[in-house]
């Protein structure tokens, strides 16, 4: 599909971020030469005037809307209003002005948080409206879900080609490791590595010796599905190239792992030797998450390729700054 992208003008909101940097990389690999990446200090996409200006400045034919205000359970509990407002206003305004500019295509990214709290596993796209989302992230999930409503309404009334993708939780190099707003994988990596470091510095012990415990929210019983960020970027590009229908599409790896098993796996990969304490006074979030990914395979031949432990090893290695030869060695031991 290299010819598809070579002469296209593409606006990638959030293109300098975690997922966006991989999407931009995939576009460049396919020969796209005209990619506009708005910086937040220049374009606050929550404001309509900034949205109008980014369209004037980029003159896009395709918009890939990745910009979002996101965070883990703690961040969602602290900021439900701003998470709802910022995500809603960005999406609604970008699609409306795109419609006025007669875009060739608008690629909207939703979230697995849009699904009802007790969706049967695996989540099928048809289940999206069968209940209310899990309470801790409902304002964010519903704000992103409105992009689907808008996309389908605009297709019906204006013939606007907007598609809507539903990715699971992403992880990988470049993820957000801020303890105040990170998701579970980077949060656990930070906790384990920080505990190792504190033990070594404060007691003069080696990393292999006894270390303090780490505290993890909830019971550890909920399950999650995770998709390596580079695989997610490939899915988005494939959908942009090949998918032109109103129905939402799940983007995932098609497996689930309990938070408890995830924690023990990260403990193993980071070399943490201490104990895990589960703070059951904190919320678990949605009980289970795992997607039916058959539609993405059927519609644009997407299948996740990165083995989970391999992706985790790459993420940890990136975070601690290991050189490529050390990363390869770490992966070889999995």
Protein backbone atom coordinates (compact mmCIF):
# COMPACT_ATOMS: atom_id res chain seq x y z
CA UNK A 1 0.00 0.00 0.00
CA UNK A 2 2.99 2.35 -0.36
CA UNK A 3 1.36 4.18 -3.27
CA UNK A 4 -1.70 4.85 -1.10
CA UNK A 5 0.33 7.05 1.25
CA UNK A 6 2.99 8.67 -0.93
CA UNK A 7 0.95 11.70 -2.00
CA UNK A 8 -1.44 11.86 0.96
CA UNK A 9 -1.49 14.77 3.40
CA UNK A 10 -2.03 13.21 6.83
CA UNK A 11 -2.81 14.94 10.12
CA UNK A 12 -1.91 12.75 13.12
CA UNK A 13 -3.19 14.24 16.38
CA UNK A 14 -1.13 12.91 19.27
CA UNK A 15 1.56 12.05 16.73
CA UNK A 16 4.34 12.99 19.15
CA UNK A 17 2.94 10.75 21.89
CA UNK A 18 3.33 7.10 22.87
CA UNK A 19 1.15 5.45 20.23
CA UNK A 20 1.43 8.34 17.80
CA UNK A 21 5.19 8.07 17.42
CA UNK A 22 4.78 4.45 16.26
CA UNK A 23 1.95 5.35 13.87
CA UNK A 24 4.07 8.13 12.36
CA UNK A 25 6.95 5.67 12.01
CA UNK A 26 4.70 3.23 10.14
CA UNK A 27 3.50 6.01 7.84
CA UNK A 28 7.07 6.96 7.00
CA UNK A 29 7.96 3.32 6.32
CA UNK A 30 5.13 3.27 3.78
CA UNK A 31 6.46 6.35 2.01
CA UNK A 32 4.17 9.04 3.42
CA UNK A 33 6.00 12.34 2.98
CA UNK A 34 3.43 14.85 4.22
CA UNK A 35 2.66 14.19 7.90
CA UNK A 36 1.51 17.02 10.15
CA UNK A 37 1.98 16.47 13.89
CA UNK A 38 0.40 19.24 16.00
CA UNK A 39 2.22 20.06 19.24
CA UNK A 40 0.06 20.75 22.29
CA UNK A 41 1.81 24.05 23.00
CA UNK A 42 0.80 25.27 19.53
CA UNK A 43 -2.62 23.64 19.16
CA UNK A 44 -4.85 23.00 22.17
CA UNK A 45 -7.33 20.76 20.36
CA UNK A 46 -9.91 21.17 23.13
CA UNK A 47 -10.47 24.69 21.73
CA UNK A 48 -12.39 25.12 18.47
CA UNK A 49 -10.16 27.91 17.16
CA UNK A 50 -7.10 25.69 17.53
CA UNK A 51 -8.90 22.88 15.68
CA UNK A 52 -9.78 25.22 12.81
CA UNK A 53 -6.21 26.48 12.71
CA UNK A 54 -4.68 22.99 12.60
CA UNK A 55 -6.85 22.17 9.59
CA UNK A 56 -5.84 25.41 7.86
CA UNK A 57 -2.17 24.75 8.55
CA UNK A 58 -2.13 21.07 7.58
CA UNK A 59 -4.76 20.89 4.79
CA UNK A 60 -5.17 17.15 5.44
CA UNK A 61 -6.82 14.51 3.30
CA UNK A 62 -6.74 11.95 6.12
CA UNK A 63 -6.94 12.56 9.87
CA UNK A 64 -5.79 9.92 12.35
CA UNK A 65 -7.08 11.12 15.71
CA UNK A 66 -4.95 9.66 18.51
CA UNK A 67 -4.75 12.63 20.90
CA UNK A 68 -6.43 11.86 24.21
CA UNK A 69 -6.27 12.59 27.91
CA UNK A 70 -5.74 9.20 29.52
CA UNK A 71 -4.58 7.56 32.74
CA UNK A 72 -5.01 4.61 35.06
CA UNK A 73 -7.75 4.05 37.64
CA UNK A 74 -6.31 6.62 40.05
CA UNK A 75 -6.09 9.35 37.42
CA UNK A 76 -9.65 8.61 36.24
CA UNK A 77 -10.97 8.84 39.80
CA UNK A 78 -9.25 12.21 40.35
CA UNK A 79 -10.16 13.77 37.00
CA UNK A 80 -13.51 12.43 35.74
CA UNK A 81 -14.74 15.84 34.60
CA UNK A 82 -11.67 16.89 32.66
CA UNK A 83 -11.21 13.40 31.19
CA UNK A 84 -14.80 13.56 29.91
CA UNK A 85 -14.70 17.15 28.65
CA UNK A 86 -11.27 17.17 27.03
CA UNK A 87 -11.75 13.92 25.14
CA UNK A 88 -15.29 14.77 24.09
CA UNK A 89 -14.44 18.26 22.81
CA UNK A 90 -11.33 17.15 20.92
CA UNK A 91 -13.16 14.40 19.07
CA UNK A 92 -16.39 16.24 18.31
CA UNK A 93 -14.67 19.36 17.00
CA UNK A 94 -12.02 17.56 14.97
CA UNK A 95 -14.66 15.48 13.22
CA UNK A 96 -16.98 18.43 12.60
CA UNK A 97 -14.29 20.60 11.02
CA UNK A 98 -13.03 17.56 9.09
CA UNK A 99 -16.52 17.12 7.71
CA UNK A 100 -16.54 20.76 6.62
CA UNK A 101 -13.14 20.29 4.96
CA UNK A 102 -14.53 17.26 3.06
CA UNK A 103 -11.84 14.92 4.35
CA UNK A 104 -11.19 11.73 2.48
CA UNK A 105 -11.13 9.78 5.77
CA UNK A 106 -11.23 10.26 9.55
CA UNK A 107 -9.78 7.49 11.74
CA UNK A 108 -11.13 7.76 15.29
CA UNK A 109 -9.62 5.83 18.18
CA UNK A 110 -12.00 4.72 20.91
CA UNK A 111 -11.18 2.68 24.00
CA UNK A 112 -11.99 -0.66 25.58
CA UNK A 113 -13.29 1.41 28.53
CA UNK A 114 -16.37 2.13 26.38
CA UNK A 115 -17.62 -1.44 26.84
CA UNK A 116 -20.21 -2.23 29.55
CA UNK A 117 -18.83 -3.28 32.92
CA UNK A 118 -20.11 -6.85 32.69
CA UNK A 119 -19.59 -7.53 29.00
CA UNK A 120 -19.33 -11.29 28.27
CA UNK A 121 -15.80 -12.38 27.37
CA UNK A 122 -14.60 -12.14 24.68
CA UNK A 123 -16.01 -8.65 24.03
CA UNK A 124 -17.79 -8.51 20.69
CA UNK A 125 -18.45 -5.22 18.94
CA UNK A 126 -22.18 -5.98 19.04
CA UNK A 127 -22.04 -5.85 22.88
CA UNK A 128 -20.94 -2.21 23.00
CA UNK A 129 -24.35 -0.77 23.94
CA UNK A 130 -25.54 -3.52 26.30
CA UNK A 131 -24.86 -1.69 29.57
CA UNK A 132 -23.03 1.09 31.41
CA UNK A 133 -19.20 1.14 31.52
CA UNK A 134 -17.22 0.37 34.68
CA UNK A 135 -17.76 3.34 36.99
CA UNK A 136 -14.15 4.40 37.60
CA UNK A 137 -13.51 5.14 33.92
CA UNK A 138 -17.06 5.66 32.59
CA UNK A 139 -16.69 9.43 31.94
CA UNK A 140 -13.62 8.81 29.78
CA UNK A 141 -15.09 5.72 28.12
CA UNK A 142 -18.37 7.43 27.25
CA UNK A 143 -16.62 10.53 25.90
CA UNK A 144 -14.65 8.33 23.51
CA UNK A 145 -17.78 6.30 22.70
CA UNK A 146 -19.49 9.42 21.39
CA UNK A 147 -16.98 9.44 18.55
CA UNK A 148 -18.68 6.29 17.25
CA UNK A 149 -22.11 7.93 17.45
CA UNK A 150 -20.83 11.00 15.64
CA UNK A 151 -18.98 8.97 13.01
CA UNK A 152 -22.08 6.92 12.18
CA UNK A 153 -24.37 9.97 12.19
CA UNK A 154 -22.03 11.89 9.89
CA UNK A 155 -21.74 8.95 7.53
CA UNK A 156 -25.54 8.73 7.36
CA UNK A 157 -26.20 12.44 6.87
CA UNK A 158 -23.11 13.69 5.03
CA UNK A 159 -21.51 10.57 3.54
CA UNK A 160 -18.48 11.28 5.75
CA UNK A 161 -16.00 8.40 5.79
CA UNK A 162 -15.17 8.06 9.50
CA UNK A 163 -14.12 4.75 11.04
CA UNK A 164 -13.92 3.82 14.71
CA UNK A 165 -11.35 1.50 16.29
CA UNK A 166 -11.49 0.01 19.82
CA UNK A 167 -8.00 -0.81 21.12
CA UNK A 168 -7.27 -2.68 24.34
CA UNK A 169 -4.71 -1.43 26.87
CA UNK A 170 -1.44 -0.67 25.11
CA UNK A 171 2.09 -1.08 26.43
CA UNK A 172 5.64 -0.81 25.12
CA UNK A 173 8.69 1.46 24.84
CA UNK A 174 7.79 5.11 25.30
CA UNK A 175 4.83 4.43 27.59
CA UNK A 176 3.86 6.84 30.35
CA UNK A 177 5.79 5.90 33.51
CA UNK A 178 4.52 8.78 35.68
CA UNK A 179 3.19 7.08 38.87
CA UNK A 180 0.38 9.66 39.09
CA UNK A 181 -1.16 8.80 35.72
CA UNK A 182 0.39 5.60 34.35
CA UNK A 183 -1.48 2.41 33.51
CA UNK A 184 -0.86 -0.90 35.23
CA UNK A 185 2.15 -2.23 33.29
CA UNK A 186 4.43 0.82 33.60
CA UNK A 187 3.21 1.33 37.17
CA UNK A 188 4.24 -2.21 38.15
CA UNK A 189 7.58 -1.94 36.33
CA UNK A 190 8.33 1.29 38.21
CA UNK A 191 7.36 -0.19 41.57
CA UNK A 192 9.55 -3.27 41.10
CA UNK A 193 12.60 -1.42 39.81
CA UNK A 194 12.30 1.33 42.42
CA UNK A 195 12.08 -1.26 45.21
CA UNK A 196 15.25 -2.95 43.92
CA UNK A 197 17.04 0.37 43.75
CA UNK A 198 16.01 1.46 47.25
CA UNK A 199 17.10 -1.85 48.72
CA UNK A 200 20.53 -1.63 47.13
CA UNK A 201 21.12 2.01 48.06
CA UNK A 202 19.79 1.97 51.60
CA UNK A 203 21.17 -1.33 52.80
CA UNK A 204 24.12 -1.98 50.54
CA UNK A 205 22.58 -5.23 49.34
CA UNK A 206 22.78 -6.69 45.88
CA UNK A 207 19.58 -6.78 43.74
CA UNK A 208 19.37 -10.54 44.37
CA UNK A 209 19.08 -10.11 48.12
CA UNK A 210 15.97 -9.40 50.19
CA UNK A 211 13.98 -6.39 49.08
CA UNK A 212 11.01 -4.45 50.48
CA UNK A 213 7.48 -5.26 49.42
CA UNK A 214 5.49 -3.38 46.79
CA UNK A 215 1.81 -2.48 47.12
CA UNK A 216 -0.59 -3.08 44.24
CA UNK A 217 -4.18 -1.83 44.06
CA UNK A 218 -7.09 -4.27 44.29
CA UNK A 219 -7.33 -8.02 44.68
CA UNK A 220 -5.35 -9.06 41.60
CA UNK A 221 -8.32 -11.08 40.33
CA UNK A 222 -9.45 -8.91 37.38
CA UNK A 223 -8.15 -9.84 33.95
CA UNK A 224 -6.81 -7.58 31.22
CA UNK A 225 -5.73 -7.86 27.62
CA UNK A 226 -2.65 -5.98 26.43
CA UNK A 227 -1.47 -5.07 22.95
CA UNK A 228 2.11 -4.13 22.10
CA UNK A 229 2.17 -0.55 20.83
CA UNK A 230 3.87 -1.35 17.53
CA UNK A 231 1.20 -3.94 16.75
CA UNK A 232 -1.49 -1.35 17.55
CA UNK A 233 0.15 1.14 15.17
CA UNK A 234 0.15 -1.46 12.40
CA UNK A 235 -3.55 -2.15 12.97
CA UNK A 236 -4.38 1.56 12.72
CA UNK A 237 -2.49 1.94 9.45
CA UNK A 238 -4.11 -1.17 7.97
CA UNK A 239 -7.55 0.11 8.95
CA UNK A 240 -6.80 3.51 7.42
CA UNK A 241 -5.80 1.80 4.19
CA UNK A 242 -8.51 -0.83 3.89
CA UNK A 243 -11.53 -0.29 6.17
CA UNK A 244 -14.43 1.97 5.16
CA UNK A 245 -17.48 0.76 7.08
CA UNK A 246 -19.57 2.24 9.93
CA UNK A 247 -19.25 -0.69 12.36
CA UNK A 248 -16.65 -0.40 15.17
CA UNK A 249 -13.62 -2.68 15.08
CA UNK A 250 -11.82 -4.25 18.08
CA UNK A 251 -8.03 -3.99 18.05
CA UNK A 252 -6.34 -6.44 20.40
CA UNK A 253 -4.18 -9.49 20.94
CA UNK A 254 -7.00 -11.91 21.79
CA UNK A 255 -5.82 -13.10 25.24
CA UNK A 256 -6.37 -12.18 28.89
CA UNK A 257 -4.15 -12.31 31.94
CA UNK A 258 -5.06 -11.66 35.58
CA UNK A 259 -3.50 -8.67 37.30
CA UNK A 260 -2.00 -11.10 39.83
CA UNK A 261 -0.32 -13.14 37.10
CA UNK A 262 0.80 -9.95 35.38
CA UNK A 263 2.40 -8.70 38.59
CA UNK A 264 4.29 -11.97 39.09
CA UNK A 265 5.47 -11.91 35.47
CA UNK A 266 6.83 -8.37 35.85
CA UNK A 267 8.44 -9.38 39.15
CA UNK A 268 10.21 -12.16 37.27
CA UNK A 269 11.35 -9.98 34.36
CA UNK A 270 12.59 -7.12 36.57
CA UNK A 271 14.39 -9.41 39.00
CA UNK A 272 12.46 -8.06 41.99
CA UNK A 273 12.82 -10.43 44.99
CA UNK A 274 10.46 -8.86 47.51
CA UNK A 275 6.81 -9.48 48.35
CA UNK A 276 3.62 -8.15 46.76
CA UNK A 277 1.00 -6.64 49.08
CA UNK A 278 -2.51 -6.32 47.66
CA UNK A 279 -4.44 -3.23 48.83
CA UNK A 280 -7.99 -4.57 48.65
CA UNK A 281 -9.41 -1.21 49.79
CA UNK A 282 -8.63 0.12 46.31
CA UNK A 283 -10.91 -0.54 43.31
CA UNK A 284 -10.28 -3.41 40.91
CA UNK A 285 -11.86 -1.73 37.90
CA UNK A 286 -13.67 -3.81 35.27
CA UNK A 287 -13.78 -7.53 36.25
CA UNK A 288 -12.57 -8.92 32.91
CA UNK A 289 -11.31 -7.56 29.60
CA UNK A 290 -10.62 -9.57 26.49
CA UNK A 291 -11.65 -8.79 22.92
CA UNK A 292 -12.98 -10.83 20.05
CA UNK A 293 -10.55 -9.73 17.34
CA UNK A 294 -12.00 -11.71 14.43
CA UNK A 295 -13.50 -8.67 12.67
CA UNK A 296 -10.12 -6.93 12.35
CA UNK A 297 -8.64 -10.09 10.87
CA UNK A 298 -11.49 -10.46 8.40
CA UNK A 299 -11.68 -6.81 7.35
CA UNK A 300 -8.02 -5.81 7.07
CA UNK A 301 -5.96 -8.90 7.92
CA UNK A 302 -4.68 -7.71 11.28
CA UNK A 303 -3.28 -10.18 13.80
CA UNK A 304 -1.06 -9.17 16.73
CA UNK A 305 2.47 -10.51 16.29
CA UNK A 306 4.36 -9.66 19.47
CA UNK A 307 4.53 -12.35 22.15
CA UNK A 308 3.54 -10.79 25.49
CA UNK A 309 6.67 -11.63 27.49
CA UNK A 310 8.83 -10.44 24.61
CA UNK A 311 6.99 -7.11 24.53
CA UNK A 312 7.32 -6.73 28.31
CA UNK A 313 11.05 -7.43 28.11
CA UNK A 314 11.46 -4.75 25.43
CA UNK A 315 9.46 -2.28 27.54
CA UNK A 316 11.54 -2.89 30.67
CA UNK A 317 14.77 -2.72 28.68
CA UNK A 318 13.73 0.60 27.11
CA UNK A 319 12.83 2.04 30.51
CA UNK A 320 16.16 1.15 32.10
CA UNK A 321 18.06 2.24 28.99
CA UNK A 322 19.61 -1.05 27.96
CA UNK A 323 21.50 -1.12 24.64
CA UNK A 324 20.13 -3.24 21.78
CA UNK A 325 22.49 -6.16 22.38
CA UNK A 326 21.32 -6.37 26.02
CA UNK A 327 17.67 -6.25 24.91
CA UNK A 328 18.28 -9.17 22.53
CA UNK A 329 19.94 -11.10 25.36
CA UNK A 330 17.02 -10.42 27.70
CA UNK A 331 14.51 -11.61 25.07
CA UNK A 332 16.56 -14.77 24.46
CA UNK A 333 16.11 -15.80 28.10
CA UNK A 334 12.29 -15.75 27.97
